[in-house]
Amino acid sequence: SSFPGALLHHHEIVAVGPSHAEQRNAVLAFLRKGRSLLVDG
């Protein structure tokens, strides 16, 4: 809402799961989704 993009809050990442791997995979999926929309349409 504060800029024309997408965000994933820290607390949402923490809530993904108790492991580093789960959190990392969730953020990578988020960033890759943005890349796919912009680069691949």
PDB file of all heavy atoms in Angstrom:
ATOM      1  N   SER A   1       0.818  -1.221   0.000  1.00  0.00           N
ATOM      2  CA  SER A   1       0.000   0.000   0.000  1.00  0.00           C
ATOM      3  C   SER A   1       0.845   1.261   0.000  1.00  0.00           C
ATOM      4  O   SER A   1       0.372   2.328  -0.402  1.00  0.00           O
ATOM      5  CB  SER A   1      -0.933   0.006   1.215  1.00  0.00           C
ATOM      6  OG  SER A   1      -0.186  -0.070   2.425  1.00  0.00           O
ATOM      7  N   SER A   2       2.114   1.168   0.421  1.00  0.00           N
ATOM      8  CA  SER A   2       2.952   2.355   0.538  1.00  0.00           C
ATOM      9  C   SER A   2       3.858   2.575  -0.663  1.00  0.00           C
ATOM     10  O   SER A   2       4.504   3.606  -0.772  1.00  0.00           O
ATOM     11  CB  SER A   2       3.801   2.274   1.811  1.00  0.00           C
ATOM     12  OG  SER A   2       4.606   1.102   1.794  1.00  0.00           O
ATOM     13  N   PHE A   3       3.929   1.590  -1.582  1.00  0.00           N
ATOM     14  CA  PHE A   3       4.686   1.729  -2.820  1.00  0.00           C
ATOM     15  C   PHE A   3       4.075   0.783  -3.848  1.00  0.00           C
ATOM     16  O   PHE A   3       3.381  -0.171  -3.477  1.00  0.00           O
ATOM     17  CB  PHE A   3       6.180   1.429  -2.596  1.00  0.00           C
ATOM     18  CG  PHE A   3       6.480   0.002  -2.232  1.00  0.00           C
ATOM     19  CD1 PHE A   3       6.866  -0.932  -3.180  1.00  0.00           C
ATOM     20  CD2 PHE A   3       6.386  -0.431  -0.902  1.00  0.00           C
ATOM     21  CE1 PHE A   3       7.140  -2.247  -2.844  1.00  0.00           C
ATOM     22  CE2 PHE A   3       6.664  -1.745  -0.552  1.00  0.00           C
ATOM     23  CZ  PHE A   3       7.039  -2.658  -1.528  1.00  0.00           C
ATOM     24  N   PRO A   4       4.304   1.008  -5.131  1.00  0.00           N
ATOM     25  CA  PRO A   4       3.628   0.197  -6.159  1.00  0.00           C
ATOM     26  C   PRO A   4       4.324  -1.137  -6.415  1.00  0.00           C
ATOM     27  O   PRO A   4       4.860  -1.384  -7.487  1.00  0.00           O
ATOM     28  CB  PRO A   4       3.677   1.101  -7.387  1.00  0.00           C
ATOM     29  CG  PRO A   4       4.920   1.905  -7.206  1.00  0.00           C
ATOM     30  CD  PRO A   4       5.034   2.146  -5.723  1.00  0.00           C
ATOM     31  N   GLY A   5       4.342  -1.983  -5.419  1.00  0.00           N
ATOM     32  CA  GLY A   5       5.024  -3.259  -5.546  1.00  0.00           C
ATOM     33  C   GLY A   5       4.407  -4.309  -4.650  1.00  0.00           C
ATOM     34  O   GLY A   5       3.208  -4.271  -4.341  1.00  0.00           O
ATOM     35  N   ALA A   6       5.244  -5.236  -4.207  1.00  0.00           N
ATOM     36  CA  ALA A   6       4.778  -6.331  -3.360  1.00  0.00           C
ATOM     37  C   ALA A   6       5.715  -6.494  -2.176  1.00  0.00           C
ATOM     38  O   ALA A   6       6.919  -6.212  -2.278  1.00  0.00           O
ATOM     39  CB  ALA A   6       4.726  -7.632  -4.156  1.00  0.00           C
ATOM     40  N   LEU A   7       5.170  -6.946  -1.062  1.00  0.00           N
ATOM     41  CA  LEU A   7       6.002  -7.165   0.121  1.00  0.00           C
ATOM     42  C   LEU A   7       5.563  -8.401   0.881  1.00  0.00           C
ATOM     43  O   LEU A   7       4.432  -8.866   0.761  1.00  0.00           O
ATOM     44  CB  LEU A   7       6.015  -5.932   1.026  1.00  0.00           C
ATOM     45  CG  LEU A   7       4.693  -5.377   1.571  1.00  0.00           C
ATOM     46  CD1 LEU A   7       4.161  -6.194   2.724  1.00  0.00           C
ATOM     47  CD2 LEU A   7       4.874  -3.929   2.014  1.00  0.00           C
ATOM     48  N   LEU A   8       6.501  -8.913   1.633  1.00  0.00           N
ATOM     49  CA  LEU A   8       6.270 -10.068   2.506  1.00  0.00           C
ATOM     50  C   LEU A   8       6.863  -9.705   3.861  1.00  0.00           C
ATOM     51  O   LEU A   8       8.084  -9.537   3.986  1.00  0.00           O
ATOM     52  CB  LEU A   8       6.943 -11.314   1.926  1.00  0.00           C
ATOM     53  CG  LEU A   8       6.714 -12.647   2.647  1.00  0.00           C
ATOM     54  CD1 LEU A   8       5.239 -13.041   2.614  1.00  0.00           C
ATOM     55  CD2 LEU A   8       7.570 -13.742   2.013  1.00  0.00           C
ATOM     56  N   HIS A   9       6.013  -9.547   4.863  1.00  0.00           N
ATOM     57  CA  HIS A   9       6.454  -9.071   6.166  1.00  0.00           C
ATOM     58  C   HIS A   9       7.307 -10.104   6.902  1.00  0.00           C
ATOM     59  O   HIS A   9       7.141 -11.315   6.722  1.00  0.00           O
ATOM     60  CB  HIS A   9       5.251  -8.719   7.042  1.00  0.00           C
ATOM     61  CG  HIS A   9       4.461  -7.550   6.548  1.00  0.00           C
ATOM     62  ND1 HIS A   9       3.268  -7.704   5.874  1.00  0.00           N
ATOM     63  CD2 HIS A   9       4.691  -6.217   6.626  1.00  0.00           C
ATOM     64  CE1 HIS A   9       2.783  -6.509   5.572  1.00  0.00           C
ATOM     65  NE2 HIS A   9       3.626  -5.585   6.017  1.00  0.00           N
ATOM     66  N   HIS A  10       8.174  -9.593   7.756  1.00  0.00           N
ATOM     67  CA  HIS A  10       9.013 -10.437   8.602  1.00  0.00           C
ATOM     68  C   HIS A  10       8.167 -11.432   9.388  1.00  0.00           C
ATOM     69  O   HIS A  10       8.481 -12.624   9.458  1.00  0.00           O
ATOM     70  CB  HIS A  10       9.833  -9.546   9.547  1.00  0.00           C
ATOM     71  CG  HIS A  10      10.805 -10.266  10.424  1.00  0.00           C
ATOM     72  ND1 HIS A  10      10.424 -10.947  11.563  1.00  0.00           N
ATOM     73  CD2 HIS A  10      12.162 -10.398  10.345  1.00  0.00           C
ATOM     74  CE1 HIS A  10      11.487 -11.468  12.142  1.00  0.00           C
ATOM     75  NE2 HIS A  10      12.553 -11.154  11.423  1.00  0.00           N
ATOM     76  N   HIS A  11       7.079 -10.962   9.996  1.00  0.00           N
ATOM     77  CA  HIS A  11       6.257 -11.865  10.822  1.00  0.00           C
ATOM     78  C   HIS A  11       5.593 -12.942   9.974  1.00  0.00           C
ATOM     79  O   HIS A  11       5.344 -14.052  10.459  1.00  0.00           O
ATOM     80  CB  HIS A  11       5.222 -11.080  11.634  1.00  0.00           C
ATOM     81  CG  HIS A  11       4.128 -10.445  10.821  1.00  0.00           C
ATOM     82  ND1 HIS A  11       3.002 -11.130  10.421  1.00  0.00           N
ATOM     83  CD2 HIS A  11       3.993  -9.180  10.344  1.00  0.00           C
ATOM     84  CE1 HIS A  11       2.217 -10.319   9.742  1.00  0.00           C
ATOM     85  NE2 HIS A  11       2.789  -9.135   9.664  1.00  0.00           N
ATOM     86  N   GLU A  12       5.314 -12.650   8.704  1.00  0.00           N
ATOM     87  CA  GLU A  12       4.753 -13.671   7.819  1.00  0.00           C
ATOM     88  C   GLU A  12       5.797 -14.733   7.487  1.00  0.00           C
ATOM     89  O   GLU A  12       5.477 -15.920   7.362  1.00  0.00           O
ATOM     90  CB  GLU A  12       4.249 -13.023   6.532  1.00  0.00           C
ATOM     91  CG  GLU A  12       3.073 -12.077   6.725  1.00  0.00           C
ATOM     92  CD  GLU A  12       2.673 -11.385   5.443  1.00  0.00           C
ATOM     93  OE1 GLU A  12       3.490 -10.607   4.893  1.00  0.00           O
ATOM     94  OE2 GLU A  12       1.544 -11.619   4.982  1.00  0.00           O
ATOM     95  N   ILE A  13       7.045 -14.294   7.338  1.00  0.00           N
ATOM     96  CA  ILE A  13       8.127 -15.247   7.073  1.00  0.00           C
ATOM     97  C   ILE A  13       8.341 -16.149   8.284  1.00  0.00           C
ATOM     98  O   ILE A  13       8.491 -17.370   8.150  1.00  0.00           O
ATOM     99  CB  ILE A  13       9.417 -14.493   6.712  1.00  0.00           C
ATOM    100  CG1 ILE A  13       9.206 -13.634   5.462  1.00  0.00           C
ATOM    101  CG2 ILE A  13      10.576 -15.470   6.504  1.00  0.00           C
ATOM    102  CD1 ILE A  13      10.346 -12.675   5.173  1.00  0.00           C
ATOM    103  N   VAL A  14       8.345 -15.564   9.475  1.00  0.00           N
ATOM    104  CA  VAL A  14       8.505 -16.348  10.700  1.00  0.00           C
ATOM    105  C   VAL A  14       7.391 -17.382  10.824  1.00  0.00           C
ATOM    106  O   VAL A  14       7.626 -18.526  11.236  1.00  0.00           O
ATOM    107  CB  VAL A  14       8.523 -15.410  11.930  1.00  0.00           C
ATOM    108  CG1 VAL A  14       8.459 -16.215  13.226  1.00  0.00           C
ATOM    109  CG2 VAL A  14       9.766 -14.532  11.912  1.00  0.00           C
ATOM    110  N   ALA A  15       6.173 -16.982  10.422  1.00  0.00           N
ATOM    111  CA  ALA A  15       5.016 -17.867  10.569  1.00  0.00           C
ATOM    112  C   ALA A  15       5.012 -19.020   9.571  1.00  0.00           C
ATOM    113  O   ALA A  15       4.233 -19.983   9.750  1.00  0.00           O
ATOM    114  CB  ALA A  15       3.724 -17.068  10.420  1.00  0.00           C
ATOM    115  N   VAL A  16       5.859 -18.961   8.550  1.00  0.00           N
ATOM    116  CA  VAL A  16       5.901 -20.029   7.546  1.00  0.00           C
ATOM    117  C   VAL A  16       6.242 -21.366   8.183  1.00  0.00           C
ATOM    118  O   VAL A  16       5.688 -22.410   7.832  1.00  0.00           O
ATOM    119  CB  VAL A  16       6.922 -19.683   6.433  1.00  0.00           C
ATOM    120  CG1 VAL A  16       7.278 -20.904   5.604  1.00  0.00           C
ATOM    121  CG2 VAL A  16       6.372 -18.575   5.551  1.00  0.00           C
ATOM    122  N   GLY A  17       7.171 -21.346   9.124  1.00  0.00           N
ATOM    123  CA  GLY A  17       7.583 -22.589   9.768  1.00  0.00           C
ATOM    124  C   GLY A  17       8.788 -22.372  10.642  1.00  0.00           C
ATOM    125  O   GLY A  17       9.416 -21.314  10.621  1.00  0.00           O
ATOM    126  N   PRO A  18       9.151 -23.377  11.437  1.00  0.00           N
ATOM    127  CA  PRO A  18      10.217 -23.216  12.417  1.00  0.00           C
ATOM    128  C   PRO A  18      11.621 -23.436  11.877  1.00  0.00           C
ATOM    129  O   PRO A  18      12.586 -23.318  12.628  1.00  0.00           O
ATOM    130  CB  PRO A  18       9.866 -24.281  13.460  1.00  0.00           C
ATOM    131  CG  PRO A  18       9.226 -25.368  12.657  1.00  0.00           C
ATOM    132  CD  PRO A  18       8.462 -24.678  11.570  1.00  0.00           C
ATOM    133  N   SER A  19      11.757 -23.753  10.591  1.00  0.00           N
ATOM    134  CA  SER A  19      13.097 -24.026  10.068  1.00  0.00           C
ATOM    135  C   SER A  19      13.554 -22.935   9.110  1.00  0.00           C
ATOM    136  O   SER A  19      12.743 -22.290   8.429  1.00  0.00           O
ATOM    137  CB  SER A  19      13.139 -25.379   9.341  1.00  0.00           C
ATOM    138  OG  SER A  19      12.535 -25.290   8.073  1.00  0.00           O
ATOM    139  N   HIS A  20      14.867 -22.755   9.065  1.00  0.00           N
ATOM    140  CA  HIS A  20      15.465 -21.796   8.137  1.00  0.00           C
ATOM    141  C   HIS A  20      15.112 -22.156   6.700  1.00  0.00           C
ATOM    142  O   HIS A  20      14.800 -21.273   5.880  1.00  0.00           O
ATOM    143  CB  HIS A  20      16.984 -21.782   8.335  1.00  0.00           C
ATOM    144  CG  HIS A  20      17.718 -20.896   7.379  1.00  0.00           C
ATOM    145  ND1 HIS A  20      18.149 -21.342   6.142  1.00  0.00           N
ATOM    146  CD2 HIS A  20      18.096 -19.598   7.457  1.00  0.00           C
ATOM    147  CE1 HIS A  20      18.766 -20.354   5.511  1.00  0.00           C
ATOM    148  NE2 HIS A  20      18.740 -19.283   6.284  1.00  0.00           N
ATOM    149  N   ALA A  21      15.152 -23.440   6.364  1.00  0.00           N
ATOM    150  CA  ALA A  21      14.876 -23.872   4.997  1.00  0.00           C
ATOM    151  C   ALA A  21      13.457 -23.512   4.569  1.00  0.00           C
ATOM    152  O   ALA A  21      13.233 -23.050   3.440  1.00  0.00           O
ATOM    153  CB  ALA A  21      15.106 -25.372   4.863  1.00  0.00           C
ATOM    154  N   GLU A  22      12.486 -23.722   5.447  1.00  0.00           N
ATOM    155  CA  GLU A  22      11.098 -23.384   5.115  1.00  0.00           C
ATOM    156  C   GLU A  22      10.948 -21.891   4.869  1.00  0.00           C
ATOM    157  O   GLU A  22      10.299 -21.451   3.904  1.00  0.00           O
ATOM    158  CB  GLU A  22      10.172 -23.808   6.258  1.00  0.00           C
ATOM    159  CG  GLU A  22       9.986 -25.310   6.408  1.00  0.00           C
ATOM    160  CD  GLU A  22       9.176 -25.645   7.640  1.00  0.00           C
ATOM    161  OE1 GLU A  22       9.614 -25.296   8.763  1.00  0.00           O
ATOM    162  OE2 GLU A  22       8.105 -26.266   7.494  1.00  0.00           O
ATOM    163  N   GLN A  23      11.550 -21.090   5.735  1.00  0.00           N
ATOM    164  CA  GLN A  23      11.450 -19.642   5.597  1.00  0.00           C
ATOM    165  C   GLN A  23      12.148 -19.167   4.327  1.00  0.00           C
ATOM    166  O   GLN A  23      11.622 -18.329   3.574  1.00  0.00           O
ATOM    167  CB  GLN A  23      12.053 -18.971   6.825  1.00  0.00           C
ATOM    168  CG  GLN A  23      11.282 -19.254   8.104  1.00  0.00           C
ATOM    169  CD  GLN A  23      11.961 -18.685   9.331  1.00  0.00           C
ATOM    170  OE1 GLN A  23      13.035 -18.088   9.266  1.00  0.00           O
ATOM    171  NE2 GLN A  23      11.335 -18.869  10.491  1.00  0.00           N
ATOM    172  N   ARG A  24      13.324 -19.705   4.076  1.00  0.00           N
ATOM    173  CA  ARG A  24      14.086 -19.310   2.892  1.00  0.00           C
ATOM    174  C   ARG A  24      13.334 -19.663   1.604  1.00  0.00           C
ATOM    175  O   ARG A  24      13.251 -18.856   0.677  1.00  0.00           O
ATOM    176  CB  ARG A  24      15.448 -20.009   2.920  1.00  0.00           C
ATOM    177  CG  ARG A  24      16.346 -19.669   1.743  1.00  0.00           C
ATOM    178  CD  ARG A  24      17.618 -20.516   1.767  1.00  0.00           C
ATOM    179  NE  ARG A  24      18.454 -20.207   0.623  1.00  0.00           N
ATOM    180  CZ  ARG A  24      19.359 -19.251   0.587  1.00  0.00           C
ATOM    181  NH1 ARG A  24      19.564 -18.504   1.656  1.00  0.00           N
ATOM    182  NH2 ARG A  24      20.073 -19.037  -0.515  1.00  0.00           N
ATOM    183  N   ASN A  25      12.782 -20.864   1.549  1.00  0.00           N
ATOM    184  CA  ASN A  25      12.058 -21.292   0.358  1.00  0.00           C
ATOM    185  C   ASN A  25      10.828 -20.417   0.110  1.00  0.00           C
ATOM    186  O   ASN A  25      10.485 -20.117  -1.043  1.00  0.00           O
ATOM    187  CB  ASN A  25      11.643 -22.752   0.481  1.00  0.00           C
ATOM    188  CG  ASN A  25      12.829 -23.706   0.379  1.00  0.00           C
ATOM    189  OD1 ASN A  25      13.877 -23.351  -0.164  1.00  0.00           O
ATOM    190  ND2 ASN A  25      12.673 -24.907   0.907  1.00  0.00           N
ATOM    191  N   ALA A  26      10.164 -20.001   1.174  1.00  0.00           N
ATOM    192  CA  ALA A  26       8.992 -19.140   1.028  1.00  0.00           C
ATOM    193  C   ALA A  26       9.373 -17.785   0.447  1.00  0.00           C
ATOM    194  O   ALA A  26       8.667 -17.242  -0.422  1.00  0.00           O
ATOM    195  CB  ALA A  26       8.299 -18.969   2.375  1.00  0.00           C
ATOM    196  N   VAL A  27      10.475 -17.223   0.901  1.00  0.00           N
ATOM    197  CA  VAL A  27      10.893 -15.914   0.397  1.00  0.00           C
ATOM    198  C   VAL A  27      11.392 -16.026  -1.041  1.00  0.00           C
ATOM    199  O   VAL A  27      11.093 -15.165  -1.878  1.00  0.00           O
ATOM    200  CB  VAL A  27      11.966 -15.293   1.312  1.00  0.00           C
ATOM    201  CG1 VAL A  27      12.444 -13.965   0.744  1.00  0.00           C
ATOM    202  CG2 VAL A  27      11.400 -15.089   2.715  1.00  0.00           C
ATOM    203  N   LEU A  28      12.127 -17.076  -1.337  1.00  0.00           N
ATOM    204  CA  LEU A  28      12.564 -17.277  -2.721  1.00  0.00           C
ATOM    205  C   LEU A  28      11.365 -17.409  -3.651  1.00  0.00           C
ATOM    206  O   LEU A  28      11.355 -16.839  -4.760  1.00  0.00           O
ATOM    207  CB  LEU A  28      13.447 -18.516  -2.819  1.00  0.00           C
ATOM    208  CG  LEU A  28      14.934 -18.306  -2.550  1.00  0.00           C
ATOM    209  CD1 LEU A  28      15.646 -19.645  -2.377  1.00  0.00           C
ATOM    210  CD2 LEU A  28      15.590 -17.497  -3.676  1.00  0.00           C
ATOM    211  N   ALA A  29      10.345 -18.141  -3.222  1.00  0.00           N
ATOM    212  CA  ALA A  29       9.144 -18.290  -4.047  1.00  0.00           C
ATOM    213  C   ALA A  29       8.469 -16.938  -4.273  1.00  0.00           C
ATOM    214  O   ALA A  29       7.995 -16.642  -5.383  1.00  0.00           O
ATOM    215  CB  ALA A  29       8.176 -19.265  -3.386  1.00  0.00           C
ATOM    216  N   PHE A  30       8.429 -16.119  -3.246  1.00  0.00           N
ATOM    217  CA  PHE A  30       7.842 -14.774  -3.353  1.00  0.00           C
ATOM    218  C   PHE A  30       8.615 -13.922  -4.355  1.00  0.00           C
ATOM    219  O   PHE A  30       8.025 -13.303  -5.256  1.00  0.00           O
ATOM    220  CB  PHE A  30       7.836 -14.125  -1.970  1.00  0.00           C
ATOM    221  CG  PHE A  30       7.615 -12.643  -1.977  1.00  0.00           C
ATOM    222  CD1 PHE A  30       6.349 -12.111  -2.178  1.00  0.00           C
ATOM    223  CD2 PHE A  30       8.678 -11.760  -1.781  1.00  0.00           C
ATOM    224  CE1 PHE A  30       6.139 -10.735  -2.195  1.00  0.00           C
ATOM    225  CE2 PHE A  30       8.487 -10.391  -1.781  1.00  0.00           C
ATOM    226  CZ  PHE A  30       7.217  -9.880  -1.996  1.00  0.00           C
ATOM    227  N   LEU A  31       9.932 -13.880  -4.238  1.00  0.00           N
ATOM    228  CA  LEU A  31      10.740 -13.058  -5.137  1.00  0.00           C
ATOM    229  C   LEU A  31      10.699 -13.585  -6.575  1.00  0.00           C
ATOM    230  O   LEU A  31      10.651 -12.810  -7.535  1.00  0.00           O
ATOM    231  CB  LEU A  31      12.175 -12.999  -4.631  1.00  0.00           C
ATOM    232  CG  LEU A  31      12.373 -12.345  -3.257  1.00  0.00           C
ATOM    233  CD1 LEU A  31      13.833 -12.458  -2.816  1.00  0.00           C
ATOM    234  CD2 LEU A  31      11.943 -10.885  -3.273  1.00  0.00           C
ATOM    235  N   ARG A  32      10.718 -14.897  -6.713  1.00  0.00           N
ATOM    236  CA  ARG A  32      10.641 -15.489  -8.060  1.00  0.00           C
ATOM    237  C   ARG A  32       9.293 -15.205  -8.711  1.00  0.00           C
ATOM    238  O   ARG A  32       9.218 -15.031  -9.938  1.00  0.00           O
ATOM    239  CB  ARG A  32      10.888 -16.996  -7.972  1.00  0.00           C
ATOM    240  CG  ARG A  32      12.340 -17.368  -7.701  1.00  0.00           C
ATOM    241  CD  ARG A  32      12.471 -18.841  -7.352  1.00  0.00           C
ATOM    242  NE  ARG A  32      13.867 -19.231  -7.131  1.00  0.00           N
ATOM    243  CZ  ARG A  32      14.239 -20.281  -6.414  1.00  0.00           C
ATOM    244  NH1 ARG A  32      13.320 -21.052  -5.833  1.00  0.00           N
ATOM    245  NH2 ARG A  32      15.520 -20.569  -6.270  1.00  0.00           N
ATOM    246  N   LYS A  33       8.228 -15.162  -7.931  1.00  0.00           N
ATOM    247  CA  LYS A  33       6.912 -14.818  -8.480  1.00  0.00           C
ATOM    248  C   LYS A  33       6.937 -13.413  -9.058  1.00  0.00           C
ATOM    249  O   LYS A  33       6.448 -13.170 -10.175  1.00  0.00           O
ATOM    250  CB  LYS A  33       5.844 -14.938  -7.399  1.00  0.00           C
ATOM    251  CG  LYS A  33       4.443 -14.495  -7.831  1.00  0.00           C
ATOM    252  CD  LYS A  33       3.897 -15.341  -8.961  1.00  0.00           C
ATOM    253  CE  LYS A  33       2.463 -14.938  -9.303  1.00  0.00           C
ATOM    254  NZ  LYS A  33       1.914 -15.715 -10.446  1.00  0.00           N
ATOM    255  N   GLY A  34       7.510 -12.473  -8.319  1.00  0.00           N
ATOM    256  CA  GLY A  34       7.619 -11.116  -8.838  1.00  0.00           C
ATOM    257  C   GLY A  34       8.449 -11.058 -10.109  1.00  0.00           C
ATOM    258  O   GLY A  34       8.091 -10.369 -11.080  1.00  0.00           O
ATOM    259  N   ARG A  35       9.557 -11.776 -10.128  1.00  0.00           N
ATOM    260  CA  ARG A  35      10.414 -11.816 -11.325  1.00  0.00           C
ATOM    261  C   ARG A  35       9.663 -12.408 -12.505  1.00  0.00           C
ATOM    262  O   ARG A  35       9.747 -11.908 -13.633  1.00  0.00           O
ATOM    263  CB  ARG A  35      11.669 -12.630 -11.022  1.00  0.00           C
ATOM    264  CG  ARG A  35      12.658 -12.699 -12.181  1.00  0.00           C
ATOM    265  CD  ARG A  35      13.806 -13.637 -11.850  1.00  0.00           C
ATOM    266  NE  ARG A  35      13.343 -15.015 -11.642  1.00  0.00           N
ATOM    267  CZ  ARG A  35      14.078 -15.996 -11.113  1.00  0.00           C
ATOM    268  NH1 ARG A  35      15.301 -15.740 -10.718  1.00  0.00           N
ATOM    269  NH2 ARG A  35      13.579 -17.209 -10.964  1.00  0.00           N
ATOM    270  N   SER A  36       8.924 -13.491 -12.279  1.00  0.00           N
ATOM    271  CA  SER A  36       8.179 -14.135 -13.349  1.00  0.00           C
ATOM    272  C   SER A  36       7.131 -13.193 -13.951  1.00  0.00           C
ATOM    273  O   SER A  36       6.972 -13.122 -15.165  1.00  0.00           O
ATOM    274  CB  SER A  36       7.505 -15.408 -12.814  1.00  0.00           C
ATOM    275  OG  SER A  36       6.736 -16.033 -13.812  1.00  0.00           O
ATOM    276  N   LEU A  37       6.427 -12.459 -13.097  1.00  0.00           N
ATOM    277  CA  LEU A  37       5.437 -11.517 -13.589  1.00  0.00           C
ATOM    278  C   LEU A  37       6.075 -10.433 -14.455  1.00  0.00           C
ATOM    279  O   LEU A  37       5.539 -10.079 -15.524  1.00  0.00           O
ATOM    280  CB  LEU A  37       4.698 -10.875 -12.413  1.00  0.00           C
ATOM    281  CG  LEU A  37       3.639 -11.718 -11.715  1.00  0.00           C
ATOM    282  CD1 LEU A  37       3.222 -11.078 -10.393  1.00  0.00           C
ATOM    283  CD2 LEU A  37       2.422 -11.892 -12.627  1.00  0.00           C
ATOM    284  N   LEU A  38       7.217  -9.915 -14.002  1.00  0.00           N
ATOM    285  CA  LEU A  38       7.809  -8.776 -14.687  1.00  0.00           C
ATOM    286  C   LEU A  38       8.627  -9.181 -15.907  1.00  0.00           C
ATOM    287  O   LEU A  38       8.615  -8.491 -16.931  1.00  0.00           O
ATOM    288  CB  LEU A  38       8.692  -8.010 -13.700  1.00  0.00           C
ATOM    289  CG  LEU A  38       7.928  -7.326 -12.559  1.00  0.00           C
ATOM    290  CD1 LEU A  38       8.887  -6.846 -11.490  1.00  0.00           C
ATOM    291  CD2 LEU A  38       7.090  -6.170 -13.089  1.00  0.00           C
ATOM    292  N   VAL A  39       9.362 -10.297 -15.800  1.00  0.00           N
ATOM    293  CA  VAL A  39      10.239 -10.692 -16.898  1.00  0.00           C
ATOM    294  C   VAL A  39       9.514 -11.572 -17.912  1.00  0.00           C
ATOM    295  O   VAL A  39       9.688 -11.413 -19.124  1.00  0.00           O
ATOM    296  CB  VAL A  39      11.485 -11.424 -16.345  1.00  0.00           C
ATOM    297  CG1 VAL A  39      12.351 -11.965 -17.478  1.00  0.00           C
ATOM    298  CG2 VAL A  39      12.301 -10.473 -15.474  1.00  0.00           C
ATOM    299  N   ASP A  40       8.671 -12.485 -17.424  1.00  0.00           N
ATOM    300  CA  ASP A  40       7.984 -13.416 -18.315  1.00  0.00           C
ATOM    301  C   ASP A  40       6.529 -13.010 -18.585  1.00  0.00           C
ATOM    302  O   ASP A  40       5.869 -13.607 -19.437  1.00  0.00           O
ATOM    303  CB  ASP A  40       7.998 -14.824 -17.719  1.00  0.00           C
ATOM    304  CG  ASP A  40       9.420 -15.336 -17.470  1.00  0.00           C
ATOM    305  OD1 ASP A  40      10.294 -15.008 -18.289  1.00  0.00           O
ATOM    306  OD2 ASP A  40       9.635 -16.021 -16.455  1.00  0.00           O
ATOM    307  N   GLY A  41       6.030 -12.073 -17.804  1.00  0.00           N
ATOM    308  CA  GLY A  41       4.633 -11.652 -17.989  1.00  0.00           C
ATOM    309  C   GLY A  41       3.626 -12.641 -17.474  1.00  0.00           C
ATOM    310  O   GLY A  41       2.452 -12.620 -17.854  1.00  0.00           O
TER     311      GLY A  41
END
